[in-house]
Amino acid sequence: MVKYPDAHLLDRVFGALADPTRRRILDLLAHTDSRVTDIAKPFPVSLPAVSKHLRVLENAGLIERHRDGRVHRLSLKAEPMRDAAAWIERYREFWDEQFVSLSRYLEKQQQKNKDKP
């Protein structure tokens, strides 16, 4: 049996992933750890706006901040996404079973129609 995280954590993860800017930040961090200022460069918004996005990602446990004096480095933490993927997988399995049942039903209906005179 797969252990799923609490609902509040999943809510924060899915909320964080709902925003395209935050997903792009995660994409950047998937390649390498980066300073906050480097993360902010490609975005057409202010540094405080990027900082708000970073706080949402931190609160969801998706990134980790390391401070070295005034320099803040960020790194990706993929574990919460793995937990969210496991939660989604449970429902994918449910829908796969539903589609198999529907397929069987349609095959039976098709066979019944062939057997009719």
N, C-alpha and C. Protein backbone atom coordinates (compact mmCIF):
# COMPACT_ATOMS: atom_id res chain seq x y z
N MET A 1 0.84 -1.18 0.00
CA MET A 1 0.00 0.00 0.00
C MET A 1 0.89 1.24 0.00
N VAL A 2 0.60 2.16 -0.89
CA VAL A 2 1.36 3.39 -0.99
C VAL A 2 0.89 4.36 0.08
N LYS A 3 1.82 4.99 0.76
CA LYS A 3 1.47 5.98 1.76
C LYS A 3 1.40 7.35 1.09
N TYR A 4 0.28 8.04 1.25
CA TYR A 4 0.10 9.34 0.62
C TYR A 4 0.28 10.43 1.65
N PRO A 5 0.83 11.56 1.24
CA PRO A 5 1.02 12.67 2.16
C PRO A 5 -0.31 13.28 2.56
N ASP A 6 -0.28 14.12 3.59
CA ASP A 6 -1.52 14.72 4.04
C ASP A 6 -2.06 15.67 2.98
N ALA A 7 -3.36 15.95 3.07
CA ALA A 7 -4.05 16.76 2.07
C ALA A 7 -3.48 18.17 1.98
N HIS A 8 -3.06 18.74 3.10
CA HIS A 8 -2.53 20.11 3.07
C HIS A 8 -1.25 20.19 2.25
N LEU A 9 -0.40 19.21 2.38
CA LEU A 9 0.83 19.19 1.59
C LEU A 9 0.51 19.06 0.10
N LEU A 10 -0.40 18.14 -0.24
CA LEU A 10 -0.79 18.00 -1.64
C LEU A 10 -1.39 19.28 -2.18
N ASP A 11 -2.22 19.94 -1.38
CA ASP A 11 -2.81 21.21 -1.82
C ASP A 11 -1.72 22.24 -2.13
N ARG A 12 -0.72 22.32 -1.28
CA ARG A 12 0.37 23.28 -1.50
C ARG A 12 1.18 22.92 -2.74
N VAL A 13 1.44 21.63 -2.94
CA VAL A 13 2.21 21.20 -4.11
C VAL A 13 1.43 21.50 -5.39
N PHE A 14 0.18 21.08 -5.45
CA PHE A 14 -0.61 21.33 -6.66
C PHE A 14 -0.84 22.82 -6.88
N GLY A 15 -1.01 23.57 -5.81
CA GLY A 15 -1.15 25.03 -5.94
C GLY A 15 0.11 25.66 -6.50
N ALA A 16 1.25 25.20 -6.03
CA ALA A 16 2.53 25.73 -6.51
C ALA A 16 2.74 25.36 -7.98
N LEU A 17 2.38 24.15 -8.35
CA LEU A 17 2.58 23.69 -9.73
C LEU A 17 1.57 24.28 -10.70
N ALA A 18 0.52 24.90 -10.18
CA ALA A 18 -0.53 25.45 -11.04
C ALA A 18 -0.07 26.68 -11.81
N ASP A 19 0.98 27.33 -11.36
CA ASP A 19 1.44 28.57 -11.97
C ASP A 19 2.58 28.32 -12.96
N PRO A 20 2.47 28.82 -14.20
CA PRO A 20 3.53 28.57 -15.19
C PRO A 20 4.89 29.16 -14.81
N THR A 21 4.90 30.30 -14.13
CA THR A 21 6.17 30.88 -13.70
C THR A 21 6.87 29.97 -12.71
N ARG A 22 6.13 29.42 -11.78
CA ARG A 22 6.73 28.52 -10.78
C ARG A 22 7.20 27.22 -11.43
N ARG A 23 6.43 26.72 -12.41
CA ARG A 23 6.89 25.51 -13.11
C ARG A 23 8.19 25.79 -13.86
N ARG A 24 8.29 26.97 -14.45
CA ARG A 24 9.52 27.32 -15.18
C ARG A 24 10.70 27.45 -14.20
N ILE A 25 10.46 28.00 -13.03
CA ILE A 25 11.52 28.07 -12.01
C ILE A 25 11.99 26.67 -11.66
N LEU A 26 11.06 25.75 -11.48
CA LEU A 26 11.44 24.37 -11.17
C LEU A 26 12.23 23.75 -12.31
N ASP A 27 11.85 24.06 -13.55
CA ASP A 27 12.62 23.57 -14.70
C ASP A 27 14.05 24.07 -14.65
N LEU A 28 14.22 25.34 -14.32
CA LEU A 28 15.57 25.90 -14.22
C LEU A 28 16.38 25.20 -13.13
N LEU A 29 15.74 24.96 -11.99
CA LEU A 29 16.44 24.34 -10.87
C LEU A 29 16.68 22.84 -11.09
N ALA A 30 15.95 22.24 -12.02
CA ALA A 30 16.17 20.82 -12.31
C ALA A 30 17.54 20.59 -12.92
N HIS A 31 18.11 21.63 -13.53
CA HIS A 31 19.41 21.50 -14.18
C HIS A 31 20.57 21.80 -13.24
N THR A 32 20.37 22.78 -12.36
CA THR A 32 21.45 23.16 -11.45
C THR A 32 20.91 24.05 -10.33
N ASP A 33 21.58 24.04 -9.21
CA ASP A 33 21.25 24.98 -8.14
C ASP A 33 21.56 26.39 -8.66
N SER A 34 20.81 27.37 -8.21
CA SER A 34 21.01 28.74 -8.71
C SER A 34 20.79 29.76 -7.62
N ARG A 35 21.40 30.92 -7.82
CA ARG A 35 21.15 32.05 -6.93
C ARG A 35 19.80 32.67 -7.28
N VAL A 36 19.20 33.33 -6.32
CA VAL A 36 17.89 33.96 -6.53
C VAL A 36 17.96 34.94 -7.69
N THR A 37 19.01 35.75 -7.74
CA THR A 37 19.13 36.74 -8.80
C THR A 37 19.24 36.08 -10.18
N ASP A 38 19.90 34.93 -10.25
CA ASP A 38 20.00 34.22 -11.53
C ASP A 38 18.65 33.64 -11.96
N ILE A 39 17.91 33.16 -10.98
CA ILE A 39 16.57 32.64 -11.28
C ILE A 39 15.68 33.76 -11.81
N ALA A 40 15.79 34.95 -11.25
CA ALA A 40 14.91 36.06 -11.61
C ALA A 40 15.20 36.63 -13.00
N LYS A 41 16.41 36.47 -13.51
CA LYS A 41 16.81 37.11 -14.78
C LYS A 41 15.88 36.83 -15.95
N PRO A 42 15.49 35.59 -16.21
CA PRO A 42 14.68 35.35 -17.43
C PRO A 42 13.22 35.80 -17.33
N PHE A 43 12.79 36.27 -16.18
CA PHE A 43 11.38 36.61 -16.00
C PHE A 43 11.15 38.12 -16.13
N PRO A 44 10.10 38.50 -16.84
CA PRO A 44 9.81 39.92 -17.03
C PRO A 44 9.03 40.54 -15.86
N VAL A 45 9.39 40.15 -14.65
CA VAL A 45 8.74 40.68 -13.45
C VAL A 45 9.82 41.12 -12.47
N SER A 46 9.40 41.83 -11.46
CA SER A 46 10.36 42.35 -10.47
C SER A 46 10.94 41.22 -9.61
N LEU A 47 12.07 41.53 -8.98
CA LEU A 47 12.68 40.57 -8.06
C LEU A 47 11.74 40.24 -6.89
N PRO A 48 11.01 41.23 -6.32
CA PRO A 48 10.06 40.87 -5.27
C PRO A 48 8.95 39.92 -5.76
N ALA A 49 8.53 40.07 -7.01
CA ALA A 49 7.51 39.15 -7.55
C ALA A 49 8.07 37.74 -7.66
N VAL A 50 9.29 37.61 -8.12
CA VAL A 50 9.93 36.29 -8.20
C VAL A 50 10.10 35.73 -6.80
N SER A 51 10.46 36.57 -5.84
CA SER A 51 10.62 36.11 -4.45
C SER A 51 9.31 35.55 -3.90
N LYS A 52 8.19 36.15 -4.28
CA LYS A 52 6.89 35.60 -3.84
C LYS A 52 6.67 34.20 -4.41
N HIS A 53 7.01 34.03 -5.68
CA HIS A 53 6.90 32.69 -6.29
C HIS A 53 7.80 31.70 -5.57
N LEU A 54 8.99 32.14 -5.23
CA LEU A 54 9.93 31.26 -4.54
C LEU A 54 9.40 30.86 -3.17
N ARG A 55 8.75 31.79 -2.47
CA ARG A 55 8.18 31.45 -1.16
C ARG A 55 7.08 30.39 -1.30
N VAL A 56 6.26 30.51 -2.35
CA VAL A 56 5.21 29.51 -2.57
C VAL A 56 5.85 28.14 -2.79
N LEU A 57 6.91 28.11 -3.60
CA LEU A 57 7.61 26.84 -3.86
C LEU A 57 8.27 26.29 -2.60
N GLU A 58 8.83 27.17 -1.78
CA GLU A 58 9.43 26.73 -0.51
C GLU A 58 8.37 26.18 0.42
N ASN A 59 7.24 26.87 0.54
CA ASN A 59 6.16 26.42 1.42
C ASN A 59 5.59 25.08 0.99
N ALA A 60 5.68 24.79 -0.30
CA ALA A 60 5.22 23.50 -0.80
C ALA A 60 6.30 22.43 -0.66
N GLY A 61 7.49 22.83 -0.22
CA GLY A 61 8.58 21.88 -0.05
C GLY A 61 9.26 21.49 -1.35
N LEU A 62 9.03 22.27 -2.41
CA LEU A 62 9.58 21.93 -3.72
C LEU A 62 10.98 22.48 -3.96
N ILE A 63 11.37 23.49 -3.19
CA ILE A 63 12.73 24.01 -3.29
C ILE A 63 13.28 24.22 -1.89
N GLU A 64 14.60 24.29 -1.84
CA GLU A 64 15.29 24.51 -0.57
C GLU A 64 16.24 25.69 -0.77
N ARG A 65 16.29 26.54 0.23
CA ARG A 65 17.15 27.73 0.18
C ARG A 65 18.35 27.51 1.09
N HIS A 66 19.52 27.82 0.54
CA HIS A 66 20.77 27.75 1.30
C HIS A 66 21.34 29.17 1.34
N ARG A 67 21.65 29.66 2.53
CA ARG A 67 22.17 31.01 2.66
C ARG A 67 23.67 30.97 2.94
N ASP A 68 24.39 31.78 2.19
CA ASP A 68 25.81 31.95 2.41
C ASP A 68 26.05 33.46 2.45
N GLY A 69 25.92 34.01 3.64
CA GLY A 69 25.98 35.46 3.78
C GLY A 69 24.75 36.08 3.12
N ARG A 70 24.98 36.96 2.17
CA ARG A 70 23.87 37.61 1.48
C ARG A 70 23.41 36.84 0.25
N VAL A 71 24.16 35.82 -0.11
CA VAL A 71 23.82 35.04 -1.30
C VAL A 71 22.88 33.89 -0.91
N HIS A 72 21.76 33.82 -1.62
CA HIS A 72 20.79 32.75 -1.40
C HIS A 72 20.82 31.84 -2.61
N ARG A 73 21.13 30.56 -2.37
CA ARG A 73 21.14 29.57 -3.45
C ARG A 73 19.92 28.67 -3.26
N LEU A 74 19.34 28.31 -4.38
CA LEU A 74 18.14 27.47 -4.37
C LEU A 74 18.43 26.14 -5.02
N SER A 75 17.79 25.10 -4.50
CA SER A 75 17.91 23.78 -5.11
C SER A 75 16.52 23.13 -5.15
N LEU A 76 16.35 22.28 -6.12
CA LEU A 76 15.10 21.56 -6.30
C LEU A 76 15.00 20.42 -5.29
N LYS A 77 13.81 20.25 -4.74
CA LYS A 77 13.51 19.09 -3.89
C LYS A 77 12.35 18.36 -4.56
N ALA A 78 12.62 17.24 -5.17
CA ALA A 78 11.62 16.55 -5.99
C ALA A 78 10.67 15.66 -5.20
N GLU A 79 10.98 15.37 -3.95
CA GLU A 79 10.16 14.42 -3.17
C GLU A 79 8.67 14.79 -3.16
N PRO A 80 8.29 16.05 -2.92
CA PRO A 80 6.86 16.36 -2.93
C PRO A 80 6.20 16.09 -4.29
N MET A 81 6.94 16.28 -5.37
CA MET A 81 6.37 15.97 -6.69
C MET A 81 6.19 14.47 -6.85
N ARG A 82 7.09 13.70 -6.29
CA ARG A 82 6.97 12.24 -6.33
C ARG A 82 5.71 11.82 -5.57
N ASP A 83 5.47 12.45 -4.44
CA ASP A 83 4.27 12.15 -3.66
C ASP A 83 3.00 12.51 -4.44
N ALA A 84 3.02 13.67 -5.11
CA ALA A 84 1.87 14.09 -5.90
C ALA A 84 1.66 13.13 -7.08
N ALA A 85 2.74 12.70 -7.70
CA ALA A 85 2.64 11.76 -8.82
C ALA A 85 2.05 10.43 -8.34
N ALA A 86 2.42 9.99 -7.15
CA ALA A 86 1.86 8.75 -6.60
C ALA A 86 0.36 8.90 -6.36
N TRP A 87 -0.05 10.07 -5.90
CA TRP A 87 -1.47 10.33 -5.68
C TRP A 87 -2.22 10.28 -7.01
N ILE A 88 -1.65 10.90 -8.04
CA ILE A 88 -2.27 10.90 -9.37
C ILE A 88 -2.30 9.48 -9.93
N GLU A 89 -1.25 8.73 -9.72
CA GLU A 89 -1.16 7.37 -10.23
C GLU A 89 -2.30 6.50 -9.71
N ARG A 90 -2.69 6.71 -8.48
CA ARG A 90 -3.80 5.95 -7.91
C ARG A 90 -5.06 6.15 -8.75
N TYR A 91 -5.29 7.34 -9.21
CA TYR A 91 -6.47 7.63 -10.01
C TYR A 91 -6.30 7.19 -11.46
N ARG A 92 -5.07 7.19 -11.96
CA ARG A 92 -4.84 6.65 -13.30
C ARG A 92 -5.18 5.17 -13.33
N GLU A 93 -4.78 4.45 -12.31
CA GLU A 93 -5.10 3.03 -12.22
C GLU A 93 -6.61 2.82 -12.18
N PHE A 94 -7.33 3.67 -11.44
CA PHE A 94 -8.79 3.58 -11.38
C PHE A 94 -9.38 3.75 -12.77
N TRP A 95 -8.93 4.79 -13.49
CA TRP A 95 -9.49 5.04 -14.82
C TRP A 95 -9.09 3.96 -15.80
N ASP A 96 -7.92 3.42 -15.70
CA ASP A 96 -7.53 2.30 -16.56
C ASP A 96 -8.50 1.13 -16.37
N GLU A 97 -8.83 0.83 -15.12
CA GLU A 97 -9.78 -0.25 -14.84
C GLU A 97 -11.15 0.06 -15.42
N GLN A 98 -11.56 1.32 -15.33
CA GLN A 98 -12.86 1.71 -15.88
C GLN A 98 -12.89 1.54 -17.39
N PHE A 99 -11.81 1.90 -18.06
CA PHE A 99 -11.74 1.77 -19.52
C PHE A 99 -11.72 0.30 -19.95
N VAL A 100 -11.06 -0.54 -19.18
CA VAL A 100 -11.06 -1.98 -19.47
C VAL A 100 -12.48 -2.52 -19.33
N SER A 101 -13.19 -2.12 -18.29
CA SER A 101 -14.57 -2.56 -18.10
C SER A 101 -15.46 -2.08 -19.23
N LEU A 102 -15.28 -0.85 -19.65
CA LEU A 102 -16.06 -0.30 -20.76
C LEU A 102 -15.77 -1.06 -22.04
N SER A 103 -14.52 -1.37 -22.29
CA SER A 103 -14.13 -2.12 -23.48
C SER A 103 -14.80 -3.49 -23.49
N ARG A 104 -14.78 -4.17 -22.36
CA ARG A 104 -15.42 -5.49 -22.27
C ARG A 104 -16.92 -5.38 -22.54
N TYR A 105 -17.54 -4.39 -21.96
CA TYR A 105 -18.97 -4.18 -22.16
C TYR A 105 -19.28 -3.94 -23.64
N LEU A 106 -18.50 -3.09 -24.29
CA LEU A 106 -18.73 -2.79 -25.70
C LEU A 106 -18.51 -4.02 -26.57
N GLU A 107 -17.51 -4.83 -26.24
CA GLU A 107 -17.28 -6.07 -26.98
C GLU A 107 -18.48 -7.01 -26.85
N LYS A 108 -19.03 -7.13 -25.64
CA LYS A 108 -20.21 -7.98 -25.43
C LYS A 108 -21.40 -7.46 -26.22
N GLN A 109 -21.57 -6.13 -26.22
CA GLN A 109 -22.69 -5.55 -26.96
C GLN A 109 -22.51 -5.80 -28.46
N GLN A 110 -21.30 -5.66 -28.92
CA GLN A 110 -21.02 -5.90 -30.33
C GLN A 110 -21.29 -7.35 -30.70
N GLN A 111 -20.90 -8.27 -29.82
CA GLN A 111 -21.15 -9.70 -30.06
C GLN A 111 -22.64 -9.99 -30.08
N LYS A 112 -23.39 -9.38 -29.17
CA LYS A 112 -24.84 -9.57 -29.13
C LYS A 112 -25.47 -9.09 -30.43
N ASN A 113 -24.99 -7.97 -30.94
CA ASN A 113 -25.54 -7.44 -32.20
C ASN A 113 -25.23 -8.35 -33.39
N LYS A 114 -24.05 -8.99 -33.35
CA LYS A 114 -23.69 -9.93 -34.43
C LYS A 114 -24.54 -11.20 -34.37
N ASP A 115 -24.89 -11.64 -33.14
CA ASP A 115 -25.66 -12.85 -32.96
C ASP A 115 -27.13 -12.69 -33.30
N LYS A 116 -27.62 -11.45 -33.38
CA LYS A 116 -29.03 -11.22 -33.71
C LYS A 116 -29.27 -11.52 -35.18
N PRO A 117 -30.45 -12.11 -35.49
CA PRO A 117 -30.75 -12.42 -36.89
C PRO A 117 -31.03 -11.21 -37.74
